[in-house]
């Protein structure tokens, strides 16, 4: 609505349509990811009360994946993200499963394992 009323500045109609289309595409992708995350959570037996926290983790991973990072940087940021959410009380195997299955990410190997 702000776009149509000009609160964000004047935009041409084709710019408005492009923004609305991009938003619709992003919401469809996020819905698909959240559906996959719910399946992973159910397969691990996570109680529903914890779902919002795992969804917040998946949204954070989605934001990281949309940005233009190198594979190594993305892998390191993913490891930091997992560590952060483990400290917040989430289960590491579930977080790793979400990263692997919903975002096709792998944790970096420890220095001695390379």
Protein backbone atom coordinates (compact mmCIF):
# COMPACT_ATOMS: atom_id res chain seq x y z
CA UNK A 1 0.00 0.00 0.00
CA UNK A 2 2.88 2.39 0.77
CA UNK A 3 4.17 1.85 -2.74
CA UNK A 4 0.86 2.83 -4.31
CA UNK A 5 0.37 5.89 -2.10
CA UNK A 6 3.86 7.17 -2.84
CA UNK A 7 5.19 6.98 0.73
CA UNK A 8 8.39 5.44 -0.64
CA UNK A 9 8.76 7.93 -3.45
CA UNK A 10 7.28 7.90 -6.92
CA UNK A 11 7.60 4.63 -8.79
CA UNK A 12 6.49 3.65 -12.24
CA UNK A 13 3.80 1.00 -12.54
CA UNK A 14 6.27 -1.55 -13.94
CA UNK A 15 8.57 -0.98 -10.93
CA UNK A 16 5.63 -1.57 -8.61
CA UNK A 17 4.73 -4.81 -10.40
CA UNK A 18 8.36 -5.99 -10.28
CA UNK A 19 8.57 -5.37 -6.52
CA UNK A 20 5.27 -7.10 -5.86
CA UNK A 21 6.35 -10.07 -8.01
CA UNK A 22 9.70 -10.36 -6.18
CA UNK A 23 7.90 -10.23 -2.85
CA UNK A 24 5.47 -12.95 -3.94
CA UNK A 25 8.34 -15.15 -5.11
CA UNK A 26 10.23 -14.65 -1.85
CA UNK A 27 7.16 -15.51 0.23
CA UNK A 28 6.55 -18.67 -1.78
CA UNK A 29 10.18 -19.74 -1.26
CA UNK A 30 10.01 -19.01 2.47
CA UNK A 31 6.77 -20.98 2.76
CA UNK A 32 8.39 -23.98 1.06
CA UNK A 33 11.41 -23.78 3.39
CA UNK A 34 9.22 -23.50 6.50
CA UNK A 35 7.21 -26.52 5.36
CA UNK A 36 10.44 -28.51 4.98
CA UNK A 37 11.67 -27.30 8.38
CA UNK A 38 8.40 -28.42 10.00
CA UNK A 39 8.87 -31.89 8.51
CA UNK A 40 12.43 -32.04 9.87
CA UNK A 41 11.29 -30.90 13.30
CA UNK A 42 8.53 -33.50 13.40
CA UNK A 43 10.94 -36.24 12.33
CA UNK A 44 13.24 -35.30 15.24
CA UNK A 45 10.34 -35.19 17.70
CA UNK A 46 10.76 -31.51 18.58
CA UNK A 47 7.88 -30.16 20.66
CA UNK A 48 5.71 -27.57 18.89
CA UNK A 49 6.48 -24.95 21.51
CA UNK A 50 10.06 -24.81 20.12
CA UNK A 51 9.05 -24.47 16.44
CA UNK A 52 9.25 -20.63 16.36
CA UNK A 53 12.88 -20.71 17.48
CA UNK A 54 13.85 -23.21 14.79
CA UNK A 55 11.90 -21.14 12.24
CA UNK A 56 13.89 -18.07 13.31
CA UNK A 57 17.08 -20.08 12.74
CA UNK A 58 15.89 -21.11 9.28
CA UNK A 59 15.01 -17.50 8.38
CA UNK A 60 18.51 -16.45 9.46
CA UNK A 61 20.03 -19.16 7.24
CA UNK A 62 17.79 -18.09 4.38
CA UNK A 63 19.04 -14.52 4.72
CA UNK A 64 22.66 -15.74 4.69
CA UNK A 65 22.03 -17.86 1.58
CA UNK A 66 20.43 -14.96 -0.33
CA UNK A 67 23.49 -12.76 0.16
CA UNK A 68 26.48 -12.97 -2.12
CA UNK A 69 29.13 -14.78 -0.05
CA UNK A 70 31.84 -17.17 -1.11
CA UNK A 71 31.27 -20.83 -0.29
CA UNK A 72 33.91 -20.77 2.46
CA UNK A 73 32.51 -17.61 4.06
CA UNK A 74 28.99 -18.97 3.94
CA UNK A 75 30.12 -22.22 5.53
CA UNK A 76 31.88 -20.36 8.35
CA UNK A 77 28.87 -18.08 8.98
CA UNK A 78 26.64 -21.16 9.02
CA UNK A 79 28.88 -22.72 11.71
CA UNK A 80 28.69 -19.51 13.77
CA UNK A 81 24.90 -19.43 13.35
CA UNK A 82 24.58 -23.04 14.53
CA UNK A 83 26.80 -22.34 17.55
CA UNK A 84 24.75 -19.26 18.43
CA UNK A 85 21.45 -21.13 18.34
CA UNK A 86 22.88 -24.07 20.28
CA UNK A 87 23.84 -21.60 23.02
CA UNK A 88 20.22 -20.42 22.94
CA UNK A 89 19.06 -23.93 23.76
CA UNK A 90 18.31 -25.54 20.40
CA UNK A 91 19.53 -29.03 19.51
CA UNK A 92 22.64 -29.16 17.31
CA UNK A 93 21.63 -32.28 15.30
CA UNK A 94 18.31 -30.67 14.39
CA UNK A 95 20.01 -27.42 13.33
CA UNK A 96 22.54 -29.30 11.22
CA UNK A 97 19.73 -31.34 9.64
CA UNK A 98 17.84 -28.12 8.78
CA UNK A 99 20.96 -26.61 7.20
CA UNK A 100 21.75 -29.76 5.23
CA UNK A 101 18.25 -30.59 3.97
CA UNK A 102 16.55 -27.21 3.65
CA UNK A 103 19.54 -25.13 2.50
CA UNK A 104 22.07 -27.69 1.21
CA UNK A 105 24.75 -26.42 3.61
CA UNK A 106 27.50 -28.42 5.31
CA UNK A 107 29.46 -27.49 8.40
CA UNK A 108 33.17 -26.91 7.84
CA UNK A 109 35.49 -29.71 8.91
CA UNK A 110 37.67 -29.12 11.97
CA UNK A 111 41.27 -28.15 11.05
CA UNK A 112 42.69 -31.62 11.83
CA UNK A 113 40.16 -33.44 9.59
CA UNK A 114 41.01 -31.69 6.30
